[in-house]
C-alpha atoms as a PDB file:
ATOM      1  CA  UNK A   1      69.811 -30.592  75.178  1.00  0.00           C
ATOM      2  CA  UNK A   2      69.738 -33.275  72.443  1.00  0.00           C
ATOM      3  CA  UNK A   3      72.583 -35.062  73.952  1.00  0.00           C
ATOM      4  CA  UNK A   4      74.984 -32.256  73.964  1.00  0.00           C
ATOM      5  CA  UNK A   5      77.135 -32.061  77.127  1.00  0.00           C
ATOM      6  CA  UNK A   6      77.082 -28.697  79.011  1.00  0.00           C
ATOM      7  CA  UNK A   7      80.800 -27.996  78.443  1.00  0.00           C
ATOM      8  CA  UNK A   8      80.695 -28.667  74.643  1.00  0.00           C
ATOM      9  CA  UNK A   9      81.175 -25.188  73.406  1.00  0.00           C
ATOM     10  CA  UNK A  10      84.764 -25.245  74.992  1.00  0.00           C
ATOM     11  CA  UNK A  11      85.349 -28.226  72.885  1.00  0.00           C
ATOM     12  CA  UNK A  12      84.576 -26.597  69.312  1.00  0.00           C
ATOM     13  CA  UNK A  13      87.408 -26.603  66.921  1.00  0.00           C
ATOM     14  CA  UNK A  14      88.258 -24.210  64.491  1.00  0.00           C
ATOM     15  CA  UNK A  15      88.292 -25.106  60.952  1.00  0.00           C
ATOM     16  CA  UNK A  16      91.752 -26.170  59.420  1.00  0.00           C
ATOM     17  CA  UNK A  17      92.824 -22.740  58.073  1.00  0.00           C
ATOM     18  CA  UNK A  18      96.107 -21.549  58.860  1.00  0.00           C
ATOM     19  CA  UNK A  19      95.142 -18.420  60.680  1.00  0.00           C
ATOM     20  CA  UNK A  20      92.772 -20.278  63.207  1.00  0.00           C
ATOM     21  CA  UNK A  21      95.443 -23.023  63.463  1.00  0.00           C
ATOM     22  CA  UNK A  22      98.201 -20.570  64.485  1.00  0.00           C
ATOM     23  CA  UNK A  23      95.569 -18.658  66.727  1.00  0.00           C
ATOM     24  CA  UNK A  24      95.118 -21.722  68.737  1.00  0.00           C
ATOM     25  CA  UNK A  25      98.543 -22.819  69.063  1.00  0.00           C
ATOM     26  CA  UNK A  26      98.094 -25.659  66.842  1.00  0.00           C
ATOM     27  CA  UNK A  27      95.141 -27.546  68.662  1.00  0.00           C
ATOM     28  CA  UNK A  28      92.160 -25.632  66.575  1.00  0.00           C
ATOM     29  CA  UNK A  29      90.523 -25.549  69.698  1.00  0.00           C
ATOM     30  CA  UNK A  30      88.803 -22.187  70.366  1.00  0.00           C
ATOM     31  CA  UNK A  31      89.298 -22.263  74.301  1.00  0.00           C
ATOM     32  CA  UNK A  32      93.130 -22.491  73.551  1.00  0.00           C
ATOM     33  CA  UNK A  33      93.045 -19.233  71.565  1.00  0.00           C
ATOM     34  CA  UNK A  34      91.779 -17.081  74.524  1.00  0.00           C
ATOM     35  CA  UNK A  35      95.054 -17.056  76.533  1.00  0.00           C
ATOM     36  CA  UNK A  36      97.189 -16.737  73.686  1.00  0.00           C
ATOM     37  CA  UNK A  37      95.051 -13.535  72.586  1.00  0.00           C
ATOM     38  CA  UNK A  38      95.243 -12.191  75.896  1.00  0.00           C
ATOM     39  CA  UNK A  39      99.170 -12.568  75.941  1.00  0.00           C
ATOM     40  CA  UNK A  40      99.266 -10.606  72.542  1.00  0.00           C
ATOM     41  CA  UNK A  41      99.758 -13.359  69.909  1.00  0.00           C
ATOM     42  CA  UNK A  42      99.777 -12.134  66.243  1.00  0.00           C
ATOM     43  CA  UNK A  43      99.447 -14.818  63.737  1.00  0.00           C
ATOM     44  CA  UNK A  44     101.173 -13.937  60.592  1.00  0.00           C
ATOM     45  CA  UNK A  45     101.643 -10.379  62.000  1.00  0.00           C
ATOM     46  CA  UNK A  46      97.783  -9.750  62.294  1.00  0.00           C
ATOM     47  CA  UNK A  47      96.787  -8.406  65.599  1.00  0.00           C
ATOM     48  CA  UNK A  48      94.111 -10.147  67.497  1.00  0.00           C
ATOM     49  CA  UNK A  49      93.056  -6.858  69.404  1.00  0.00           C
ATOM     50  CA  UNK A  50      89.695  -7.561  67.367  1.00  0.00           C
ATOM     51  CA  UNK A  51      88.840 -10.542  69.650  1.00  0.00           C
ATOM     52  CA  UNK A  52      89.331  -8.492  72.837  1.00  0.00           C
ATOM     53  CA  UNK A  53      86.915  -5.726  71.774  1.00  0.00           C
ATOM     54  CA  UNK A  54      84.360  -8.192  70.704  1.00  0.00           C
ATOM     55  CA  UNK A  55      84.778  -9.924  74.128  1.00  0.00           C
ATOM     56  CA  UNK A  56      84.112  -6.704  75.822  1.00  0.00           C
ATOM     57  CA  UNK A  57      80.977  -6.215  73.967  1.00  0.00           C
ATOM     58  CA  UNK A  58      79.922 -10.103  75.066  1.00  0.00           C
ATOM     59  CA  UNK A  59      80.577  -9.235  78.658  1.00  0.00           C
ATOM     60  CA  UNK A  60      78.419  -6.191  78.230  1.00  0.00           C
ATOM     61  CA  UNK A  61      75.528  -8.469  77.277  1.00  0.00           C
ATOM     62  CA  UNK A  62      75.836  -8.070  73.477  1.00  0.00           C
ATOM     63  CA  UNK A  63      73.910 -10.841  71.541  1.00  0.00           C
ATOM     64  CA  UNK A  64      75.118 -12.146  68.133  1.00  0.00           C
ATOM     65  CA  UNK A  65      73.535 -14.658  65.446  1.00  0.00           C
ATOM     66  CA  UNK A  66      73.830 -18.242  66.284  1.00  0.00           C
ATOM     67  CA  UNK A  67      76.816 -20.136  65.550  1.00  0.00           C
ATOM     68  CA  UNK A  68      76.918 -22.668  62.692  1.00  0.00           C
ATOM     69  CA  UNK A  69      78.878 -25.978  63.613  1.00  0.00           C
ATOM     70  CA  UNK A  70      79.264 -29.320  61.767  1.00  0.00           C
ATOM     71  CA  UNK A  71      79.918 -32.505  62.836  1.00  0.00           C
ATOM     72  CA  UNK A  72      80.069 -36.150  61.686  1.00  0.00           C
ATOM     73  CA  UNK A  73      77.241 -37.041  63.945  1.00  0.00           C
ATOM     74  CA  UNK A  74      76.846 -37.892  67.656  1.00  0.00           C
ATOM     75  CA  UNK A  75      80.410 -38.078  69.553  1.00  0.00           C
ATOM     76  CA  UNK A  76      81.829 -36.507  66.669  1.00  0.00           C
ATOM     77  CA  UNK A  77      83.965 -33.121  66.771  1.00  0.00           C
ATOM     78  CA  UNK A  78      82.089 -29.980  66.380  1.00  0.00           C
ATOM     79  CA  UNK A  79      83.698 -27.558  63.973  1.00  0.00           C
ATOM     80  CA  UNK A  80      82.625 -24.052  63.674  1.00  0.00           C
ATOM     81  CA  UNK A  81      81.649 -23.629  60.001  1.00  0.00           C
ATOM     82  CA  UNK A  82      80.427 -19.725  60.679  1.00  0.00           C
ATOM     83  CA  UNK A  83      81.035 -17.619  63.639  1.00  0.00           C
ATOM     84  CA  UNK A  84      84.751 -17.987  64.151  1.00  0.00           C
ATOM     85  CA  UNK A  85      85.113 -14.511  65.515  1.00  0.00           C
ATOM     86  CA  UNK A  86      81.988 -14.828  68.030  1.00  0.00           C
ATOM     87  CA  UNK A  87      83.213 -18.065  69.239  1.00  0.00           C
ATOM     88  CA  UNK A  88      86.608 -16.615  69.796  1.00  0.00           C
ATOM     89  CA  UNK A  89      84.787 -13.701  71.648  1.00  0.00           C
ATOM     90  CA  UNK A  90      82.804 -16.143  73.840  1.00  0.00           C
ATOM     91  CA  UNK A  91      85.770 -18.157  74.791  1.00  0.00           C
ATOM     92  CA  UNK A  92      87.459 -14.819  75.909  1.00  0.00           C
ATOM     93  CA  UNK A  93      84.486 -13.831  77.913  1.00  0.00           C
ATOM     94  CA  UNK A  94      83.011 -17.245  79.215  1.00  0.00           C
ATOM     95  CA  UNK A  95      82.253 -16.051  82.748  1.00  0.00           C
ATOM     96  CA  UNK A  96      79.948 -13.544  81.444  1.00  0.00           C
ATOM     97  CA  UNK A  97      78.118 -15.814  78.971  1.00  0.00           C
ATOM     98  CA  UNK A  98      74.375 -16.524  79.413  1.00  0.00           C
ATOM     99  CA  UNK A  99      73.560 -20.047  80.789  1.00  0.00           C
ATOM    100  CA  UNK A 100      72.411 -21.369  77.524  1.00  0.00           C
ATOM    101  CA  UNK A 101      72.884 -20.425  73.693  1.00  0.00           C
ATOM    102  CA  UNK A 102      71.565 -21.770  70.743  1.00  0.00           C
ATOM    103  CA  UNK A 103      73.559 -22.906  67.794  1.00  0.00           C
ATOM    104  CA  UNK A 104      72.810 -24.516  64.470  1.00  0.00           C
ATOM    105  CA  UNK A 105      74.657 -27.859  63.918  1.00  0.00           C
ATOM    106  CA  UNK A 106      74.765 -29.670  60.742  1.00  0.00           C
ATOM    107  CA  UNK A 107      75.914 -33.126  60.547  1.00  0.00           C
ATOM    108  CA  UNK A 108      76.929 -35.390  57.772  1.00  0.00           C
ATOM    109  CA  UNK A 109      77.661 -39.318  58.261  1.00  0.00           C
ATOM    110  CA  UNK A 110      81.312 -40.299  57.714  1.00  0.00           C
ATOM    111  CA  UNK A 111      84.024 -37.809  57.328  1.00  0.00           C
ATOM    112  CA  UNK A 112      82.771 -35.927  54.358  1.00  0.00           C
ATOM    113  CA  UNK A 113      82.519 -32.494  56.170  1.00  0.00           C
ATOM    114  CA  UNK A 114      85.565 -32.827  58.423  1.00  0.00           C
ATOM    115  CA  UNK A 115      88.039 -34.687  55.962  1.00  0.00           C
ATOM    116  CA  UNK A 116      91.569 -33.901  57.211  1.00  0.00           C
ATOM    117  CA  UNK A 117      90.300 -32.375  60.393  1.00  0.00           C
ATOM    118  CA  UNK A 118      88.953 -29.440  58.152  1.00  0.00           C
ATOM    119  CA  UNK A 119      85.996 -28.451  56.522  1.00  0.00           C
ATOM    120  CA  UNK A 120      85.407 -29.112  52.815  1.00  0.00           C
ATOM    121  CA  UNK A 121      82.775 -28.009  50.538  1.00  0.00           C
ATOM    122  CA  UNK A 122      80.844 -31.149  51.065  1.00  0.00           C
ATOM    123  CA  UNK A 123      79.813 -29.367  54.495  1.00  0.00           C
ATOM    124  CA  UNK A 124      77.413 -27.371  52.470  1.00  0.00           C
ATOM    125  CA  UNK A 125      75.746 -30.586  51.566  1.00  0.00           C
ATOM    126  CA  UNK A 126      75.283 -31.714  55.045  1.00  0.00           C
ATOM    127  CA  UNK A 127      71.769 -32.019  56.979  1.00  0.00           C
ATOM    128  CA  UNK A 128      71.280 -29.017  59.152  1.00  0.00           C
ATOM    129  CA  UNK A 129      69.183 -29.710  62.322  1.00  0.00           C
ATOM    130  CA  UNK A 130      67.171 -27.374  64.461  1.00  0.00           C
ATOM    131  CA  UNK A 131      68.675 -24.778  66.642  1.00  0.00           C
ATOM    132  CA  UNK A 132      70.127 -26.737  69.795  1.00  0.00           C
ATOM    133  CA  UNK A 133      70.621 -25.007  73.011  1.00  0.00           C
ATOM    134  CA  UNK A 134      74.127 -25.590  74.579  1.00  0.00           C
ATOM    135  CA  UNK A 135      74.682 -24.769  78.132  1.00  0.00           C
ATOM    136  CA  UNK A 136      78.018 -22.697  79.063  1.00  0.00           C
ATOM    137  CA  UNK A 137      79.638 -23.172  82.166  1.00  0.00           C
END
């Protein structure tokens, strides 16, 4: 588990981008977007039905490529760099996820990839680790 807590997937944040911030109600926590999507929220007039469709596929056992997350290091926030839609669908179908999922986690010391609570172009220069299994509860 490389020091990752089993509930860590629910603590992953979206990048600091207007659509994802609005979808999450301002928290950038992907898990906070799920009830808003079920309630029919449409950030900037864009319906979020796509996420419900993907969640149905997750519940049916669909598998998607691993998420790519970035962090400043152990104990730092995890931010999704690639896989926003997939992670949103996972949070909508949490009770149907497999007990373990693999993600690719990149880390960069300091705040370079997460400056201002968002991901910058420096994220591309971070060091990516191996695939790390994350348990889902």
